[in-house]
Amino acid sequence: MKMLFKILASLLLLFNGIGAIYGGWNLITHPDGSSFQMSLEYLKYSPFDDYLISGIILFIANGVFSFFVVSVIVFKIKNYAWLIIIQGVILAG
């Protein structure tokens, strides 16, 4: 049963990581939101002028960290469950 949860967590983290890398990279390379047809009007009441900072946070916190957690699971490093929980908290935040 423990192996099933590892596989499920790894698949979900990979899915999340791929989407976050793709989305974050698009927001970094096109901070005006044009690659996703997102208007800068959505940021009117936020502290940001464009999507650059949002893209960097998405790329690192959800993309890179998801792949890091998957690698920790694959290489059977101790306390991987805490990293899965931390990634879930980051994703919820």
N, C-alpha and C. Protein backbone atom coordinates (compact mmCIF):
# COMPACT_ATOMS: atom_id res chain seq x y z
N MET A 1 0.83 -1.20 0.00
CA MET A 1 0.00 0.00 0.00
C MET A 1 0.87 1.26 0.00
N LYS A 2 1.98 1.22 0.74
CA LYS A 2 2.87 2.37 0.80
C LYS A 2 3.45 2.68 -0.58
N MET A 3 3.75 1.63 -1.35
CA MET A 3 4.30 1.81 -2.69
C MET A 3 3.27 2.47 -3.61
N LEU A 4 2.01 2.12 -3.45
CA LEU A 4 0.94 2.73 -4.25
C LEU A 4 0.86 4.23 -3.99
N PHE A 5 0.98 4.64 -2.74
CA PHE A 5 0.94 6.06 -2.40
C PHE A 5 2.16 6.79 -2.95
N LYS A 6 3.32 6.14 -2.94
CA LYS A 6 4.52 6.76 -3.52
C LYS A 6 4.34 7.00 -5.01
N ILE A 7 3.78 6.01 -5.70
CA ILE A 7 3.57 6.13 -7.14
C ILE A 7 2.54 7.22 -7.43
N LEU A 8 1.45 7.22 -6.68
CA LEU A 8 0.41 8.23 -6.88
C LEU A 8 0.95 9.64 -6.60
N ALA A 9 1.68 9.78 -5.51
CA ALA A 9 2.26 11.09 -5.18
C ALA A 9 3.24 11.53 -6.26
N SER A 10 4.04 10.61 -6.75
CA SER A 10 5.02 10.95 -7.79
C SER A 10 4.33 11.39 -9.08
N LEU A 11 3.28 10.67 -9.47
CA LEU A 11 2.55 11.05 -10.68
C LEU A 11 1.90 12.42 -10.55
N LEU A 12 1.29 12.68 -9.40
CA LEU A 12 0.66 13.98 -9.19
C LEU A 12 1.69 15.10 -9.15
N LEU A 13 2.83 14.85 -8.53
CA LEU A 13 3.89 15.85 -8.50
C LEU A 13 4.45 16.11 -9.89
N LEU A 14 4.60 15.05 -10.68
CA LEU A 14 5.07 15.24 -12.06
C LEU A 14 4.07 16.05 -12.88
N PHE A 15 2.80 15.74 -12.74
CA PHE A 15 1.76 16.48 -13.44
C PHE A 15 1.79 17.95 -13.05
N ASN A 16 1.87 18.21 -11.75
CA ASN A 16 1.93 19.58 -11.25
C ASN A 16 3.21 20.27 -11.73
N GLY A 17 4.32 19.57 -11.65
CA GLY A 17 5.60 20.16 -12.03
C GLY A 17 5.67 20.53 -13.50
N ILE A 18 5.18 19.64 -14.36
CA ILE A 18 5.20 19.92 -15.80
C ILE A 18 4.33 21.14 -16.12
N GLY A 19 3.15 21.19 -15.53
CA GLY A 19 2.27 22.34 -15.76
C GLY A 19 2.86 23.64 -15.23
N ALA A 20 3.49 23.56 -14.06
CA ALA A 20 4.07 24.77 -13.46
C ALA A 20 5.30 25.25 -14.23
N ILE A 21 6.12 24.31 -14.71
CA ILE A 21 7.28 24.70 -15.51
C ILE A 21 6.81 25.37 -16.81
N TYR A 22 5.83 24.76 -17.45
CA TYR A 22 5.30 25.31 -18.71
C TYR A 22 4.68 26.70 -18.47
N GLY A 23 3.81 26.79 -17.48
CA GLY A 23 3.14 28.06 -17.21
C GLY A 23 4.09 29.13 -16.71
N GLY A 24 4.97 28.75 -15.81
CA GLY A 24 5.93 29.71 -15.28
C GLY A 24 6.87 30.23 -16.35
N TRP A 25 7.35 29.33 -17.21
CA TRP A 25 8.26 29.74 -18.28
C TRP A 25 7.55 30.69 -19.25
N ASN A 26 6.30 30.40 -19.58
CA ASN A 26 5.55 31.30 -20.46
C ASN A 26 5.35 32.67 -19.83
N LEU A 27 5.10 32.71 -18.54
CA LEU A 27 4.92 34.01 -17.88
C LEU A 27 6.24 34.76 -17.74
N ILE A 28 7.34 34.04 -17.61
CA ILE A 28 8.66 34.69 -17.54
C ILE A 28 9.04 35.26 -18.90
N THR A 29 8.83 34.47 -19.95
CA THR A 29 9.23 34.93 -21.28
C THR A 29 8.26 35.95 -21.89
N HIS A 30 7.01 35.92 -21.45
CA HIS A 30 6.00 36.88 -21.92
C HIS A 30 5.31 37.50 -20.70
N PRO A 31 5.99 38.39 -19.98
CA PRO A 31 5.41 38.93 -18.74
C PRO A 31 4.16 39.79 -18.95
N ASP A 32 3.86 40.10 -20.19
CA ASP A 32 2.62 40.85 -20.45
C ASP A 32 1.40 39.94 -20.50
N GLY A 33 1.61 38.62 -20.38
CA GLY A 33 0.50 37.67 -20.36
C GLY A 33 0.00 37.28 -21.73
N SER A 34 0.66 37.72 -22.78
CA SER A 34 0.18 37.49 -24.13
C SER A 34 0.17 36.01 -24.53
N SER A 35 1.06 35.20 -23.96
CA SER A 35 1.10 33.79 -24.35
C SER A 35 -0.13 33.02 -23.86
N PHE A 36 -0.79 33.54 -22.85
CA PHE A 36 -2.01 32.92 -22.33
C PHE A 36 -3.24 33.80 -22.54
N GLN A 37 -3.10 34.84 -23.35
CA GLN A 37 -4.16 35.82 -23.58
C GLN A 37 -4.72 36.36 -22.27
N MET A 38 -3.82 36.66 -21.35
CA MET A 38 -4.21 37.23 -20.05
C MET A 38 -3.93 38.73 -20.07
N SER A 39 -4.89 39.50 -19.72
CA SER A 39 -4.75 40.94 -19.71
C SER A 39 -4.01 41.40 -18.45
N LEU A 40 -3.26 42.47 -18.59
CA LEU A 40 -2.61 43.07 -17.42
C LEU A 40 -3.64 43.72 -16.50
N GLU A 41 -4.85 43.87 -17.00
CA GLU A 41 -5.95 44.43 -16.20
C GLU A 41 -6.23 43.57 -14.97
N TYR A 42 -5.96 42.26 -15.07
CA TYR A 42 -6.17 41.37 -13.92
C TYR A 42 -5.28 41.74 -12.74
N LEU A 43 -4.18 42.44 -13.01
CA LEU A 43 -3.23 42.81 -11.96
C LEU A 43 -3.48 44.22 -11.42
N LYS A 44 -4.58 44.81 -11.80
CA LYS A 44 -4.85 46.21 -11.45
C LYS A 44 -4.75 46.46 -9.94
N TYR A 45 -5.28 45.57 -9.12
CA TYR A 45 -5.30 45.77 -7.67
C TYR A 45 -4.21 44.97 -6.95
N SER A 46 -3.26 44.47 -7.68
CA SER A 46 -2.16 43.72 -7.07
C SER A 46 -0.91 44.60 -7.04
N PRO A 47 0.10 44.17 -6.30
CA PRO A 47 1.33 44.97 -6.25
C PRO A 47 2.22 44.79 -7.48
N PHE A 48 1.81 43.99 -8.46
CA PHE A 48 2.65 43.69 -9.61
C PHE A 48 2.20 44.46 -10.85
N ASP A 49 3.18 44.84 -11.67
CA ASP A 49 2.89 45.52 -12.93
C ASP A 49 2.75 44.54 -14.09
N ASP A 50 3.39 43.39 -13.96
CA ASP A 50 3.29 42.35 -14.99
C ASP A 50 3.36 40.98 -14.33
N TYR A 51 3.45 39.93 -15.14
CA TYR A 51 3.40 38.57 -14.63
C TYR A 51 4.78 37.95 -14.40
N LEU A 52 5.83 38.74 -14.44
CA LEU A 52 7.18 38.20 -14.30
C LEU A 52 7.40 37.55 -12.93
N ILE A 53 7.11 38.25 -11.86
CA ILE A 53 7.32 37.71 -10.51
C ILE A 53 6.43 36.49 -10.29
N SER A 54 5.20 36.55 -10.75
CA SER A 54 4.29 35.41 -10.63
C SER A 54 4.84 34.20 -11.37
N GLY A 55 5.39 34.43 -12.55
CA GLY A 55 5.97 33.35 -13.33
C GLY A 55 7.18 32.73 -12.66
N ILE A 56 8.03 33.57 -12.06
CA ILE A 56 9.21 33.06 -11.37
C ILE A 56 8.80 32.22 -10.16
N ILE A 57 7.83 32.71 -9.41
CA ILE A 57 7.35 31.96 -8.24
C ILE A 57 6.73 30.63 -8.67
N LEU A 58 5.91 30.66 -9.70
CA LEU A 58 5.29 29.44 -10.21
C LEU A 58 6.34 28.45 -10.69
N PHE A 59 7.32 28.94 -11.44
CA PHE A 59 8.37 28.10 -11.99
C PHE A 59 9.18 27.41 -10.90
N ILE A 60 9.58 28.18 -9.88
CA ILE A 60 10.45 27.63 -8.83
C ILE A 60 9.67 26.86 -7.79
N ALA A 61 8.67 27.50 -7.20
CA ALA A 61 7.98 26.91 -6.04
C ALA A 61 7.15 25.69 -6.42
N ASN A 62 6.49 25.72 -7.55
CA ASN A 62 5.66 24.57 -7.94
C ASN A 62 6.34 23.68 -8.96
N GLY A 63 7.10 24.24 -9.88
CA GLY A 63 7.74 23.43 -10.91
C GLY A 63 9.00 22.73 -10.44
N VAL A 64 10.01 23.51 -10.13
CA VAL A 64 11.30 22.94 -9.74
C VAL A 64 11.19 22.14 -8.44
N PHE A 65 10.46 22.67 -7.47
CA PHE A 65 10.34 21.96 -6.19
C PHE A 65 9.57 20.65 -6.35
N SER A 66 8.58 20.60 -7.24
CA SER A 66 7.87 19.34 -7.49
C SER A 66 8.82 18.28 -8.03
N PHE A 67 9.66 18.67 -8.99
CA PHE A 67 10.62 17.72 -9.54
C PHE A 67 11.66 17.31 -8.49
N PHE A 68 12.03 18.24 -7.62
CA PHE A 68 12.95 17.90 -6.53
C PHE A 68 12.33 16.85 -5.61
N VAL A 69 11.07 17.03 -5.25
CA VAL A 69 10.40 16.07 -4.37
C VAL A 69 10.27 14.71 -5.05
N VAL A 70 9.98 14.69 -6.35
CA VAL A 70 9.91 13.41 -7.06
C VAL A 70 11.27 12.72 -7.03
N SER A 71 12.34 13.47 -7.22
CA SER A 71 13.67 12.86 -7.18
C SER A 71 13.99 12.33 -5.78
N VAL A 72 13.54 13.01 -4.75
CA VAL A 72 13.73 12.52 -3.38
C VAL A 72 12.97 11.21 -3.18
N ILE A 73 11.77 11.12 -3.71
CA ILE A 73 10.99 9.88 -3.61
C ILE A 73 11.68 8.75 -4.36
N VAL A 74 12.14 9.02 -5.58
CA VAL A 74 12.77 7.99 -6.41
C VAL A 74 14.05 7.47 -5.76
N PHE A 75 14.85 8.36 -5.21
CA PHE A 75 16.11 7.95 -4.60
C PHE A 75 15.97 7.52 -3.14
N LYS A 76 14.72 7.44 -2.69
CA LYS A 76 14.38 6.90 -1.36
C LYS A 76 15.13 7.62 -0.23
N ILE A 77 15.16 8.92 -0.31
CA ILE A 77 15.78 9.72 0.74
C ILE A 77 14.81 9.83 1.91
N LYS A 78 15.36 9.78 3.11
CA LYS A 78 14.56 9.78 4.33
C LYS A 78 13.69 11.03 4.43
N ASN A 79 12.55 10.89 5.06
CA ASN A 79 11.61 11.99 5.34
C ASN A 79 11.01 12.61 4.08
N TYR A 80 10.85 11.83 3.02
CA TYR A 80 10.24 12.36 1.80
C TYR A 80 8.79 12.78 2.03
N ALA A 81 8.12 12.15 3.00
CA ALA A 81 6.71 12.47 3.24
C ALA A 81 6.53 13.93 3.65
N TRP A 82 7.48 14.44 4.42
CA TRP A 82 7.40 15.85 4.83
C TRP A 82 7.52 16.78 3.63
N LEU A 83 8.36 16.40 2.69
CA LEU A 83 8.50 17.23 1.50
C LEU A 83 7.23 17.22 0.65
N ILE A 84 6.55 16.08 0.61
CA ILE A 84 5.27 16.02 -0.10
C ILE A 84 4.26 16.94 0.57
N ILE A 85 4.24 16.93 1.88
CA ILE A 85 3.32 17.80 2.64
C ILE A 85 3.67 19.28 2.39
N ILE A 86 4.96 19.59 2.43
CA ILE A 86 5.39 20.98 2.19
C ILE A 86 4.98 21.43 0.79
N GLN A 87 5.17 20.56 -0.20
CA GLN A 87 4.75 20.92 -1.56
C GLN A 87 3.25 21.14 -1.63
N GLY A 88 2.48 20.35 -0.93
CA GLY A 88 1.03 20.54 -0.89
C GLY A 88 0.65 21.88 -0.28
N VAL A 89 1.33 22.27 0.78
CA VAL A 89 1.08 23.56 1.41
C VAL A 89 1.45 24.70 0.47
N ILE A 90 2.57 24.56 -0.22
CA ILE A 90 2.98 25.59 -1.19
C ILE A 90 1.94 25.70 -2.30
N LEU A 91 1.49 24.57 -2.78
CA LEU A 91 0.49 24.58 -3.84
C LEU A 91 -0.82 25.21 -3.38
N ALA A 92 -1.22 24.94 -2.14
CA ALA A 92 -2.45 25.53 -1.61
C ALA A 92 -2.28 27.03 -1.38
N GLY A 93 -1.07 27.46 -1.08
CA GLY A 93 -0.80 28.88 -0.81
C GLY A 93 -0.83 29.68 -2.06
